[in-house]
Amino acid sequence: IEAARGEGRPILAVGTTATRTLESVAAGHEGRIVAGTGVTELVITPGHRFAVVDVLLTNFHLPKSSLLMLVCSFAGRERVLRGYQRAVAEGYRFYSYGDCMLVDRAISG
């Protein structure tokens, strides 16, 4: 991950758990990713400054869930809600065994 970051390549997290893990490690090591073991109690809410993850692959989560809050914190509430409206209109499946979305923070709107 550090080599990719050093080369300017985006970091993709597969899932909210991977996102929380990477952001927790960076928070504990001055923004760097280092090998190790541990636990996290990080709850990502609006205002969180993402230090590592640039792109997120994640499910369509339940309304009012902490997972949806993380995704909204990552990509912006309005942008995510527009995506959800489109997903509903297109018949996408939600929750753990449904469809997923790829969210890139570098792409606005």
PDB file of N, CA and C in Angstrom:
ATOM      1  N   ILE A   1       0.833  -1.187   0.000  1.00  0.00           N
ATOM      2  CA  ILE A   1       0.000   0.000   0.000  1.00  0.00           C
ATOM      3  C   ILE A   1       0.877   1.249   0.000  1.00  0.00           C
ATOM      4  N   GLU A   2       1.910   1.252   0.826  1.00  0.00           N
ATOM      5  CA  GLU A   2       2.785   2.425   0.870  1.00  0.00           C
ATOM      6  C   GLU A   2       3.493   2.641  -0.463  1.00  0.00           C
ATOM      7  N   ALA A   3       3.907   1.555  -1.135  1.00  0.00           N
ATOM      8  CA  ALA A   3       4.554   1.687  -2.443  1.00  0.00           C
ATOM      9  C   ALA A   3       3.582   2.284  -3.456  1.00  0.00           C
ATOM     10  N   ALA A   4       2.348   1.794  -3.457  1.00  0.00           N
ATOM     11  CA  ALA A   4       1.334   2.322  -4.377  1.00  0.00           C
ATOM     12  C   ALA A   4       1.075   3.798  -4.106  1.00  0.00           C
ATOM     13  N   ARG A   5       0.968   4.149  -2.848  1.00  0.00           N
ATOM     14  CA  ARG A   5       0.743   5.552  -2.492  1.00  0.00           C
ATOM     15  C   ARG A   5       1.919   6.412  -2.944  1.00  0.00           C
ATOM     16  N   GLY A   6       3.125   5.888  -2.765  1.00  0.00           N
ATOM     17  CA  GLY A   6       4.318   6.618  -3.174  1.00  0.00           C
ATOM     18  C   GLY A   6       4.379   6.870  -4.671  1.00  0.00           C
ATOM     19  N   GLU A   7       3.759   5.975  -5.434  1.00  0.00           N
ATOM     20  CA  GLU A   7       3.707   6.110  -6.892  1.00  0.00           C
ATOM     21  C   GLU A   7       2.476   6.882  -7.350  1.00  0.00           C
ATOM     22  N   GLY A   8       1.659   7.322  -6.399  1.00  0.00           N
ATOM     23  CA  GLY A   8       0.469   8.092  -6.746  1.00  0.00           C
ATOM     24  C   GLY A   8      -0.705   7.265  -7.224  1.00  0.00           C
ATOM     25  N   ARG A   9      -0.646   5.959  -7.011  1.00  0.00           N
ATOM     26  CA  ARG A   9      -1.755   5.096  -7.429  1.00  0.00           C
ATOM     27  C   ARG A   9      -2.860   5.124  -6.380  1.00  0.00           C
ATOM     28  N   PRO A  10      -4.115   5.022  -6.804  1.00  0.00           N
ATOM     29  CA  PRO A  10      -5.221   5.042  -5.844  1.00  0.00           C
ATOM     30  C   PRO A  10      -5.281   3.754  -5.029  1.00  0.00           C
ATOM     31  N   ILE A  11      -5.770   3.890  -3.811  1.00  0.00           N
ATOM     32  CA  ILE A  11      -5.944   2.744  -2.919  1.00  0.00           C
ATOM     33  C   ILE A  11      -7.421   2.391  -2.892  1.00  0.00           C
ATOM     34  N   LEU A  12      -7.734   1.149  -3.277  1.00  0.00           N
ATOM     35  CA  LEU A  12      -9.102   0.655  -3.308  1.00  0.00           C
ATOM     36  C   LEU A  12      -9.326  -0.260  -2.115  1.00  0.00           C
ATOM     37  N   ALA A  13     -10.349   0.044  -1.344  1.00  0.00           N
ATOM     38  CA  ALA A  13     -10.747  -0.830  -0.234  1.00  0.00           C
ATOM     39  C   ALA A  13     -11.963  -1.630  -0.677  1.00  0.00           C
ATOM     40  N   VAL A  14     -11.932  -2.919  -0.439  1.00  0.00           N
ATOM     41  CA  VAL A  14     -13.074  -3.776  -0.746  1.00  0.00           C
ATOM     42  C   VAL A  14     -13.852  -3.950   0.549  1.00  0.00           C
ATOM     43  N   GLY A  15     -14.875  -3.125   0.700  1.00  0.00           N
ATOM     44  CA  GLY A  15     -15.752  -3.212   1.859  1.00  0.00           C
ATOM     45  C   GLY A  15     -15.470  -2.177   2.930  1.00  0.00           C
ATOM     46  N   THR A  16     -16.477  -1.994   3.765  1.00  0.00           N
ATOM     47  CA  THR A  16     -16.375  -1.013   4.846  1.00  0.00           C
ATOM     48  C   THR A  16     -15.434  -1.479   5.950  1.00  0.00           C
ATOM     49  N   THR A  17     -15.329  -2.785   6.163  1.00  0.00           N
ATOM     50  CA  THR A  17     -14.409  -3.284   7.185  1.00  0.00           C
ATOM     51  C   THR A  17     -12.968  -3.000   6.781  1.00  0.00           C
ATOM     52  N   ALA A  18     -12.631  -3.234   5.521  1.00  0.00           N
ATOM     53  CA  ALA A  18     -11.282  -2.915   5.037  1.00  0.00           C
ATOM     54  C   ALA A  18     -11.020  -1.415   5.135  1.00  0.00           C
ATOM     55  N   THR A  19     -12.028  -0.617   4.848  1.00  0.00           N
ATOM     56  CA  THR A  19     -11.888   0.840   4.950  1.00  0.00           C
ATOM     57  C   THR A  19     -11.580   1.246   6.382  1.00  0.00           C
ATOM     58  N   ARG A  20     -12.351   0.743   7.328  1.00  0.00           N
ATOM     59  CA  ARG A  20     -12.132   1.067   8.738  1.00  0.00           C
ATOM     60  C   ARG A  20     -10.755   0.592   9.200  1.00  0.00           C
ATOM     61  N   THR A  21     -10.340  -0.577   8.740  1.00  0.00           N
ATOM     62  CA  THR A  21      -9.036  -1.118   9.120  1.00  0.00           C
ATOM     63  C   THR A  21      -7.906  -0.219   8.629  1.00  0.00           C
ATOM     64  N   LEU A  22      -7.931   0.115   7.348  1.00  0.00           N
ATOM     65  CA  LEU A  22      -6.869   0.950   6.789  1.00  0.00           C
ATOM     66  C   LEU A  22      -6.828   2.330   7.437  1.00  0.00           C
ATOM     67  N   GLU A  23      -7.990   2.924   7.623  1.00  0.00           N
ATOM     68  CA  GLU A  23      -8.033   4.254   8.232  1.00  0.00           C
ATOM     69  C   GLU A  23      -7.573   4.205   9.691  1.00  0.00           C
ATOM     70  N   SER A  24      -7.882   3.129  10.389  1.00  0.00           N
ATOM     71  CA  SER A  24      -7.438   2.976  11.781  1.00  0.00           C
ATOM     72  C   SER A  24      -5.930   2.836  11.876  1.00  0.00           C
ATOM     73  N   VAL A  25      -5.359   2.014  11.001  1.00  0.00           N
ATOM     74  CA  VAL A  25      -3.906   1.833  11.010  1.00  0.00           C
ATOM     75  C   VAL A  25      -3.219   3.165  10.730  1.00  0.00           C
ATOM     76  N   ALA A  26      -3.699   3.884   9.726  1.00  0.00           N
ATOM     77  CA  ALA A  26      -3.089   5.170   9.382  1.00  0.00           C
ATOM     78  C   ALA A  26      -3.190   6.160  10.537  1.00  0.00           C
ATOM     79  N   ALA A  27      -4.316   6.164  11.224  1.00  0.00           N
ATOM     80  CA  ALA A  27      -4.504   7.089  12.349  1.00  0.00           C
ATOM     81  C   ALA A  27      -3.519   6.801  13.474  1.00  0.00           C
ATOM     82  N   GLY A  28      -3.150   5.553  13.626  1.00  0.00           N
ATOM     83  CA  GLY A  28      -2.234   5.175  14.699  1.00  0.00           C
ATOM     84  C   GLY A  28      -0.762   5.238  14.335  1.00  0.00           C
ATOM     85  N   HIS A  29      -0.471   5.561  13.068  1.00  0.00           N
ATOM     86  CA  HIS A  29       0.927   5.543  12.612  1.00  0.00           C
ATOM     87  C   HIS A  29       1.250   6.752  11.732  1.00  0.00           C
ATOM     88  N   GLU A  30       0.779   7.921  12.147  1.00  0.00           N
ATOM     89  CA  GLU A  30       1.085   9.173  11.451  1.00  0.00           C
ATOM     90  C   GLU A  30       0.769   9.114   9.963  1.00  0.00           C
ATOM     91  N   GLY A  31      -0.353   8.482   9.615  1.00  0.00           N
ATOM     92  CA  GLY A  31      -0.802   8.421   8.234  1.00  0.00           C
ATOM     93  C   GLY A  31      -0.212   7.305   7.406  1.00  0.00           C
ATOM     94  N   ARG A  32       0.661   6.512   7.989  1.00  0.00           N
ATOM     95  CA  ARG A  32       1.305   5.425   7.253  1.00  0.00           C
ATOM     96  C   ARG A  32       0.609   4.097   7.528  1.00  0.00           C
ATOM     97  N   ILE A  33       0.740   3.187   6.573  1.00  0.00           N
ATOM     98  CA  ILE A  33       0.238   1.820   6.734  1.00  0.00           C
ATOM     99  C   ILE A  33       1.422   0.941   7.101  1.00  0.00           C
ATOM    100  N   VAL A  34       1.309   0.266   8.239  1.00  0.00           N
ATOM    101  CA  VAL A  34       2.357  -0.642   8.702  1.00  0.00           C
ATOM    102  C   VAL A  34       1.720  -1.986   9.040  1.00  0.00           C
ATOM    103  N   ALA A  35       2.497  -3.047   8.903  1.00  0.00           N
ATOM    104  CA  ALA A  35       2.001  -4.384   9.234  1.00  0.00           C
ATOM    105  C   ALA A  35       1.835  -4.512  10.739  1.00  0.00           C
ATOM    106  N   GLY A  36       0.870  -5.314  11.144  1.00  0.00           N
ATOM    107  CA  GLY A  36       0.671  -5.551  12.563  1.00  0.00           C
ATOM    108  C   GLY A  36      -0.676  -6.183  12.829  1.00  0.00           C
ATOM    109  N   THR A  37      -0.991  -6.314  14.088  1.00  0.00           N
ATOM    110  CA  THR A  37      -2.288  -6.838  14.498  1.00  0.00           C
ATOM    111  C   THR A  37      -2.937  -5.828  15.428  1.00  0.00           C
ATOM    112  N   GLY A  38      -4.242  -5.923  15.548  1.00  0.00           N
ATOM    113  CA  GLY A  38      -4.941  -5.009  16.439  1.00  0.00           C
ATOM    114  C   GLY A  38      -6.433  -5.093  16.236  1.00  0.00           C
ATOM    115  N   VAL A  39      -7.118  -4.210  16.887  1.00  0.00           N
ATOM    116  CA  VAL A  39      -8.568  -4.094  16.760  1.00  0.00           C
ATOM    117  C   VAL A  39      -8.888  -2.627  16.515  1.00  0.00           C
ATOM    118  N   THR A  40     -10.074  -2.382  16.006  1.00  0.00           N
ATOM    119  CA  THR A  40     -10.495  -0.999  15.813  1.00  0.00           C
ATOM    120  C   THR A  40     -11.894  -0.802  16.361  1.00  0.00           C
ATOM    121  N   GLU A  41     -12.097   0.354  16.881  1.00  0.00           N
ATOM    122  CA  GLU A  41     -13.430   0.774  17.301  1.00  0.00           C
ATOM    123  C   GLU A  41     -13.844   2.006  16.508  1.00  0.00           C
ATOM    124  N   LEU A  42     -13.130   2.266  15.420  1.00  0.00           N
ATOM    125  CA  LEU A  42     -13.382   3.449  14.606  1.00  0.00           C
ATOM    126  C   LEU A  42     -14.772   3.390  13.982  1.00  0.00           C
ATOM    127  N   VAL A  43     -15.543   4.417  14.217  1.00  0.00           N
ATOM    128  CA  VAL A  43     -16.826   4.618  13.541  1.00  0.00           C
ATOM    129  C   VAL A  43     -16.635   5.847  12.673  1.00  0.00           C
ATOM    130  N   ILE A  44     -16.758   5.678  11.374  1.00  0.00           N
ATOM    131  CA  ILE A  44     -16.526   6.790  10.455  1.00  0.00           C
ATOM    132  C   ILE A  44     -17.833   7.540  10.246  1.00  0.00           C
ATOM    133  N   THR A  45     -17.787   8.815  10.570  1.00  0.00           N
ATOM    134  CA  THR A  45     -18.956   9.690  10.476  1.00  0.00           C
ATOM    135  C   THR A  45     -18.597  10.900   9.617  1.00  0.00           C
ATOM    136  N   PRO A  46     -19.607  11.675   9.220  1.00  0.00           N
ATOM    137  CA  PRO A  46     -19.313  12.874   8.429  1.00  0.00           C
ATOM    138  C   PRO A  46     -18.263  13.739   9.129  1.00  0.00           C
ATOM    139  N   GLY A  47     -17.353  14.251   8.329  1.00  0.00           N
ATOM    140  CA  GLY A  47     -16.256  15.040   8.859  1.00  0.00           C
ATOM    141  C   GLY A  47     -14.955  14.262   8.963  1.00  0.00           C
ATOM    142  N   HIS A  48     -15.044  12.924   8.855  1.00  0.00           N
ATOM    143  CA  HIS A  48     -13.816  12.114   8.897  1.00  0.00           C
ATOM    144  C   HIS A  48     -12.946  12.492   7.702  1.00  0.00           C
ATOM    145  N   ARG A  49     -11.663  12.671   7.946  1.00  0.00           N
ATOM    146  CA  ARG A  49     -10.711  12.961   6.868  1.00  0.00           C
ATOM    147  C   ARG A  49     -10.031  11.650   6.476  1.00  0.00           C
ATOM    148  N   PHE A  50     -10.370  11.161   5.302  1.00  0.00           N
ATOM    149  CA  PHE A  50      -9.808   9.891   4.842  1.00  0.00           C
ATOM    150  C   PHE A  50      -8.331  10.077   4.502  1.00  0.00           C
ATOM    151  N   ALA A  51      -7.509   9.228   5.082  1.00  0.00           N
ATOM    152  CA  ALA A  51      -6.062   9.330   4.919  1.00  0.00           C
ATOM    153  C   ALA A  51      -5.506   8.323   3.923  1.00  0.00           C
ATOM    154  N   VAL A  52      -6.243   7.243   3.673  1.00  0.00           N
ATOM    155  CA  VAL A  52      -5.696   6.152   2.868  1.00  0.00           C
ATOM    156  C   VAL A  52      -6.588   5.816   1.679  1.00  0.00           C
ATOM    157  N   VAL A  53      -7.837   5.539   1.925  1.00  0.00           N
ATOM    158  CA  VAL A  53      -8.731   4.981   0.909  1.00  0.00           C
ATOM    159  C   VAL A  53      -9.158   6.055  -0.093  1.00  0.00           C
ATOM    160  N   ASP A  54      -8.971   5.739  -1.376  1.00  0.00           N
ATOM    161  CA  ASP A  54      -9.374   6.630  -2.466  1.00  0.00           C
ATOM    162  C   ASP A  54     -10.611   6.125  -3.191  1.00  0.00           C
ATOM    163  N   VAL A  55     -10.762   4.800  -3.241  1.00  0.00           N
ATOM    164  CA  VAL A  55     -11.857   4.154  -3.966  1.00  0.00           C
ATOM    165  C   VAL A  55     -12.422   3.069  -3.061  1.00  0.00           C
ATOM    166  N   LEU A  56     -13.748   2.949  -3.060  1.00  0.00           N
ATOM    167  CA  LEU A  56     -14.422   1.986  -2.179  1.00  0.00           C
ATOM    168  C   LEU A  56     -15.391   1.128  -2.985  1.00  0.00           C
ATOM    169  N   LEU A  57     -15.251  -0.187  -2.870  1.00  0.00           N
ATOM    170  CA  LEU A  57     -16.206  -1.140  -3.430  1.00  0.00           C
ATOM    171  C   LEU A  57     -17.029  -1.656  -2.262  1.00  0.00           C
ATOM    172  N   THR A  58     -18.326  -1.417  -2.296  1.00  0.00           N
ATOM    173  CA  THR A  58     -19.162  -1.772  -1.144  1.00  0.00           C
ATOM    174  C   THR A  58     -20.586  -2.084  -1.575  1.00  0.00           C
ATOM    175  N   ASN A  59     -21.303  -2.750  -0.702  1.00  0.00           N
ATOM    176  CA  ASN A  59     -22.706  -3.079  -0.946  1.00  0.00           C
ATOM    177  C   ASN A  59     -23.573  -1.836  -0.863  1.00  0.00           C
ATOM    178  N   PHE A  60     -24.822  -1.983  -1.257  1.00  0.00           N
ATOM    179  CA  PHE A  60     -25.849  -0.989  -0.968  1.00  0.00           C
ATOM    180  C   PHE A  60     -26.367  -1.339   0.424  1.00  0.00           C
ATOM    181  N   HIS A  61     -26.149  -0.449   1.381  1.00  0.00           N
ATOM    182  CA  HIS A  61     -26.404  -0.741   2.786  1.00  0.00           C
ATOM    183  C   HIS A  61     -27.797  -0.315   3.237  1.00  0.00           C
ATOM    184  N   LEU A  62     -28.187  -0.827   4.400  1.00  0.00           N
ATOM    185  CA  LEU A  62     -29.485  -0.492   4.987  1.00  0.00           C
ATOM    186  C   LEU A  62     -29.573   0.993   5.320  1.00  0.00           C
ATOM    187  N   PRO A  63     -30.764   1.570   5.155  1.00  0.00           N
ATOM    188  CA  PRO A  63     -30.956   2.960   5.578  1.00  0.00           C
ATOM    189  C   PRO A  63     -30.663   3.107   7.069  1.00  0.00           C
ATOM    190  N   LYS A  64     -30.158   4.262   7.441  1.00  0.00           N
ATOM    191  CA  LYS A  64     -29.895   4.618   8.838  1.00  0.00           C
ATOM    192  C   LYS A  64     -28.836   3.740   9.503  1.00  0.00           C
ATOM    193  N   SER A  65     -28.027   3.041   8.708  1.00  0.00           N
ATOM    194  CA  SER A  65     -26.989   2.177   9.286  1.00  0.00           C
ATOM    195  C   SER A  65     -25.660   2.928   9.378  1.00  0.00           C
ATOM    196  N   SER A  66     -24.787   2.449  10.252  1.00  0.00           N
ATOM    197  CA  SER A  66     -23.454   3.050  10.358  1.00  0.00           C
ATOM    198  C   SER A  66     -22.663   2.825   9.069  1.00  0.00           C
ATOM    199  N   LEU A  67     -22.964   1.756   8.352  1.00  0.00           N
ATOM    200  CA  LEU A  67     -22.267   1.481   7.094  1.00  0.00           C
ATOM    201  C   LEU A  67     -22.645   2.502   6.029  1.00  0.00           C
ATOM    202  N   LEU A  68     -23.930   2.832   5.950  1.00  0.00           N
ATOM    203  CA  LEU A  68     -24.368   3.864   5.011  1.00  0.00           C
ATOM    204  C   LEU A  68     -23.760   5.212   5.403  1.00  0.00           C
ATOM    205  N   MET A  69     -23.657   5.476   6.688  1.00  0.00           N
ATOM    206  CA  MET A  69     -23.046   6.717   7.156  1.00  0.00           C
ATOM    207  C   MET A  69     -21.579   6.785   6.716  1.00  0.00           C
ATOM    208  N   LEU A  70     -20.873   5.665   6.781  1.00  0.00           N
ATOM    209  CA  LEU A  70     -19.484   5.627   6.327  1.00  0.00           C
ATOM    210  C   LEU A  70     -19.412   5.969   4.839  1.00  0.00           C
ATOM    211  N   VAL A  71     -20.269   5.347   4.033  1.00  0.00           N
ATOM    212  CA  VAL A  71     -20.250   5.590   2.589  1.00  0.00           C
ATOM    213  C   VAL A  71     -20.574   7.054   2.289  1.00  0.00           C
ATOM    214  N   CYS A  72     -21.560   7.612   2.989  1.00  0.00           N
ATOM    215  CA  CYS A  72     -21.899   9.030   2.809  1.00  0.00           C
ATOM    216  C   CYS A  72     -20.742   9.923   3.240  1.00  0.00           C
ATOM    217  N   SER A  73     -20.039   9.544   4.274  1.00  0.00           N
ATOM    218  CA  SER A  73     -18.869  10.302   4.721  1.00  0.00           C
ATOM    219  C   SER A  73     -17.769  10.250   3.666  1.00  0.00           C
ATOM    220  N   PHE A  74     -17.676   9.135   2.993  1.00  0.00           N
ATOM    221  CA  PHE A  74     -16.646   8.929   1.979  1.00  0.00           C
ATOM    222  C   PHE A  74     -16.938   9.715   0.703  1.00  0.00           C
ATOM    223  N   ALA A  75     -18.175   9.646   0.232  1.00  0.00           N
ATOM    224  CA  ALA A  75     -18.504  10.170  -1.096  1.00  0.00           C
ATOM    225  C   ALA A  75     -19.429  11.375  -1.091  1.00  0.00           C
ATOM    226  N   GLY A  76     -19.986  11.712   0.045  1.00  0.00           N
ATOM    227  CA  GLY A  76     -20.950  12.807   0.109  1.00  0.00           C
ATOM    228  C   GLY A  76     -22.369  12.277   0.109  1.00  0.00           C
ATOM    229  N   ARG A  77     -23.160  12.790   1.021  1.00  0.00           N
ATOM    230  CA  ARG A  77     -24.526  12.289   1.218  1.00  0.00           C
ATOM    231  C   ARG A  77     -25.377  12.398  -0.047  1.00  0.00           C
ATOM    232  N   GLU A  78     -25.385  13.570  -0.666  1.00  0.00           N
ATOM    233  CA  GLU A  78     -26.235  13.769  -1.849  1.00  0.00           C
ATOM    234  C   GLU A  78     -25.824  12.850  -2.991  1.00  0.00           C
ATOM    235  N   ARG A  79     -24.551  12.703  -3.190  1.00  0.00           N
ATOM    236  CA  ARG A  79     -24.060  11.829  -4.258  1.00  0.00           C
ATOM    237  C   ARG A  79     -24.479  10.383  -4.019  1.00  0.00           C
ATOM    238  N   VAL A  80     -24.351   9.926  -2.790  1.00  0.00           N
ATOM    239  CA  VAL A  80     -24.726   8.550  -2.457  1.00  0.00           C
ATOM    240  C   VAL A  80     -26.232   8.362  -2.606  1.00  0.00           C
ATOM    241  N   LEU A  81     -27.014   9.312  -2.129  1.00  0.00           N
ATOM    242  CA  LEU A  81     -28.471   9.182  -2.242  1.00  0.00           C
ATOM    243  C   LEU A  81     -28.921   9.173  -3.695  1.00  0.00           C
ATOM    244  N   ARG A  82     -28.260   9.945  -4.555  1.00  0.00           N
ATOM    245  CA  ARG A  82     -28.581   9.880  -5.994  1.00  0.00           C
ATOM    246  C   ARG A  82     -28.272   8.489  -6.541  1.00  0.00           C
ATOM    247  N   GLY A  83     -27.163   7.925  -6.101  1.00  0.00           N
ATOM    248  CA  GLY A  83     -26.816   6.568  -6.524  1.00  0.00           C
ATOM    249  C   GLY A  83     -27.838   5.548  -6.061  1.00  0.00           C
ATOM    250  N   TYR A  84     -28.324   5.710  -4.843  1.00  0.00           N
ATOM    251  CA  TYR A  84     -29.340   4.804  -4.308  1.00  0.00           C
ATOM    252  C   TYR A  84     -30.646   4.939  -5.077  1.00  0.00           C
ATOM    253  N   GLN A  85     -31.021   6.160  -5.428  1.00  0.00           N
ATOM    254  CA  GLN A  85     -32.241   6.361  -6.214  1.00  0.00           C
ATOM    255  C   GLN A  85     -32.126   5.666  -7.565  1.00  0.00           C
ATOM    256  N   ARG A  86     -30.981   5.776  -8.175  1.00  0.00           N
ATOM    257  CA  ARG A  86     -30.756   5.112  -9.457  1.00  0.00           C
ATOM    258  C   ARG A  86     -30.785   3.594  -9.288  1.00  0.00           C
ATOM    259  N   ALA A  87     -30.181   3.101  -8.225  1.00  0.00           N
ATOM    260  CA  ALA A  87     -30.167   1.660  -7.963  1.00  0.00           C
ATOM    261  C   ALA A  87     -31.580   1.121  -7.794  1.00  0.00           C
ATOM    262  N   VAL A  88     -32.417   1.851  -7.080  1.00  0.00           N
ATOM    263  CA  VAL A  88     -33.813   1.432  -6.897  1.00  0.00           C
ATOM    264  C   VAL A  88     -34.523   1.427  -8.247  1.00  0.00           C
ATOM    265  N   ALA A  89     -34.341   2.482  -9.033  1.00  0.00           N
ATOM    266  CA  ALA A  89     -34.994   2.583 -10.343  1.00  0.00           C
ATOM    267  C   ALA A  89     -34.556   1.469 -11.286  1.00  0.00           C
ATOM    268  N   GLU A  90     -33.309   1.032 -11.156  1.00  0.00           N
ATOM    269  CA  GLU A  90     -32.765  -0.014 -12.031  1.00  0.00           C
ATOM    270  C   GLU A  90     -33.000  -1.423 -11.493  1.00  0.00           C
ATOM    271  N   GLY A  91     -33.587  -1.530 -10.302  1.00  0.00           N
ATOM    272  CA  GLY A  91     -33.880  -2.846  -9.736  1.00  0.00           C
ATOM    273  C   GLY A  91     -32.690  -3.537  -9.085  1.00  0.00           C
ATOM    274  N   TYR A  92     -31.703  -2.764  -8.654  1.00  0.00           N
ATOM    275  CA  TYR A  92     -30.559  -3.367  -7.970  1.00  0.00           C
ATOM    276  C   TYR A  92     -31.006  -3.990  -6.655  1.00  0.00           C
ATOM    277  N   ARG A  93     -30.255  -4.980  -6.211  1.00  0.00           N
ATOM    278  CA  ARG A  93     -30.534  -5.635  -4.931  1.00  0.00           C
ATOM    279  C   ARG A  93     -29.678  -5.006  -3.841  1.00  0.00           C
ATOM    280  N   PHE A  94     -30.238  -4.908  -2.672  1.00  0.00           N
ATOM    281  CA  PHE A  94     -29.561  -4.252  -1.556  1.00  0.00           C
ATOM    282  C   PHE A  94     -29.110  -5.278  -0.520  1.00  0.00           C
ATOM    283  N   TYR A  95     -28.346  -4.802   0.429  1.00  0.00           N
ATOM    284  CA  TYR A  95     -27.875  -5.527   1.608  1.00  0.00           C
ATOM    285  C   TYR A  95     -26.747  -6.495   1.259  1.00  0.00           C
ATOM    286  N   SER A  96     -26.447  -7.388   2.136  1.00  0.00           N
ATOM    287  CA  SER A  96     -25.230  -8.194   2.043  1.00  0.00           C
ATOM    288  C   SER A  96     -25.146  -9.107   0.828  1.00  0.00           C
ATOM    289  N   TYR A  97     -26.250  -9.564   0.314  1.00  0.00           N
ATOM    290  CA  TYR A  97     -26.203 -10.482  -0.822  1.00  0.00           C
ATOM    291  C   TYR A  97     -26.738  -9.839  -2.089  1.00  0.00           C
ATOM    292  N   GLY A  98     -26.678  -8.525  -2.133  1.00  0.00           N
ATOM    293  CA  GLY A  98     -27.169  -7.795  -3.294  1.00  0.00           C
ATOM    294  C   GLY A  98     -26.045  -7.312  -4.182  1.00  0.00           C
ATOM    295  N   ASP A  99     -26.340  -6.234  -4.865  1.00  0.00           N
ATOM    296  CA  ASP A  99     -25.369  -5.629  -5.763  1.00  0.00           C
ATOM    297  C   ASP A  99     -24.422  -4.723  -4.979  1.00  0.00           C
ATOM    298  N   CYS A 100     -23.421  -4.235  -5.658  1.00  0.00           N
ATOM    299  CA  CYS A 100     -22.472  -3.342  -4.991  1.00  0.00           C
ATOM    300  C   CYS A 100     -22.221  -2.124  -5.867  1.00  0.00           C
ATOM    301  N   MET A 101     -21.501  -1.184  -5.302  1.00  0.00           N
ATOM    302  CA  MET A 101     -21.159   0.028  -6.038  1.00  0.00           C
ATOM    303  C   MET A 101     -19.676   0.321  -5.853  1.00  0.00           C
ATOM    304  N   LEU A 102     -19.113   0.970  -6.855  1.00  0.00           N
ATOM    305  CA  LEU A 102     -17.726   1.405  -6.818  1.00  0.00           C
ATOM    306  C   LEU A 102     -17.741   2.924  -6.706  1.00  0.00           C
ATOM    307  N   VAL A 103     -17.179   3.437  -5.622  1.00  0.00           N
ATOM    308  CA  VAL A 103     -17.212   4.869  -5.351  1.00  0.00           C
ATOM    309  C   VAL A 103     -15.784   5.401  -5.356  1.00  0.00           C
ATOM    310  N   ASP A 104     -15.539   6.362  -6.223  1.00  0.00           N
ATOM    311  CA  ASP A 104     -14.219   6.983  -6.338  1.00  0.00           C
ATOM    312  C   ASP A 104     -14.321   8.413  -5.822  1.00  0.00           C
ATOM    313  N   ARG A 105     -13.574   8.731  -4.775  1.00  0.00           N
ATOM    314  CA  ARG A 105     -13.635  10.072  -4.192  1.00  0.00           C
ATOM    315  C   ARG A 105     -13.141  11.134  -5.162  1.00  0.00           C
ATOM    316  N   ALA A 106     -12.314  10.763  -6.137  1.00  0.00           N
ATOM    317  CA  ALA A 106     -11.755  11.727  -7.082  1.00  0.00           C
ATOM    318  C   ALA A 106     -12.769  12.172  -8.128  1.00  0.00           C
ATOM    319  N   ILE A 107     -13.867  11.446  -8.258  1.00  0.00           N
ATOM    320  CA  ILE A 107     -14.905  11.795  -9.230  1.00  0.00           C
ATOM    321  C   ILE A 107     -16.017  12.503  -8.484  1.00  0.00           C
ATOM    322  N   SER A 108     -16.288  13.722  -8.840  1.00  0.00           N
ATOM    323  CA  SER A 108     -17.322  14.483  -8.131  1.00  0.00           C
ATOM    324  C   SER A 108     -18.680  14.261  -8.769  1.00  0.00           C
ATOM    325  N   GLY A 109     -19.694  14.600  -7.996  1.00  0.00           N
ATOM    326  CA  GLY A 109     -21.046  14.672  -8.449  1.00  0.00           C
ATOM    327  C   GLY A 109     -21.779  13.476  -8.719  1.00  0.00           C
TER     328      GLY A 109
END
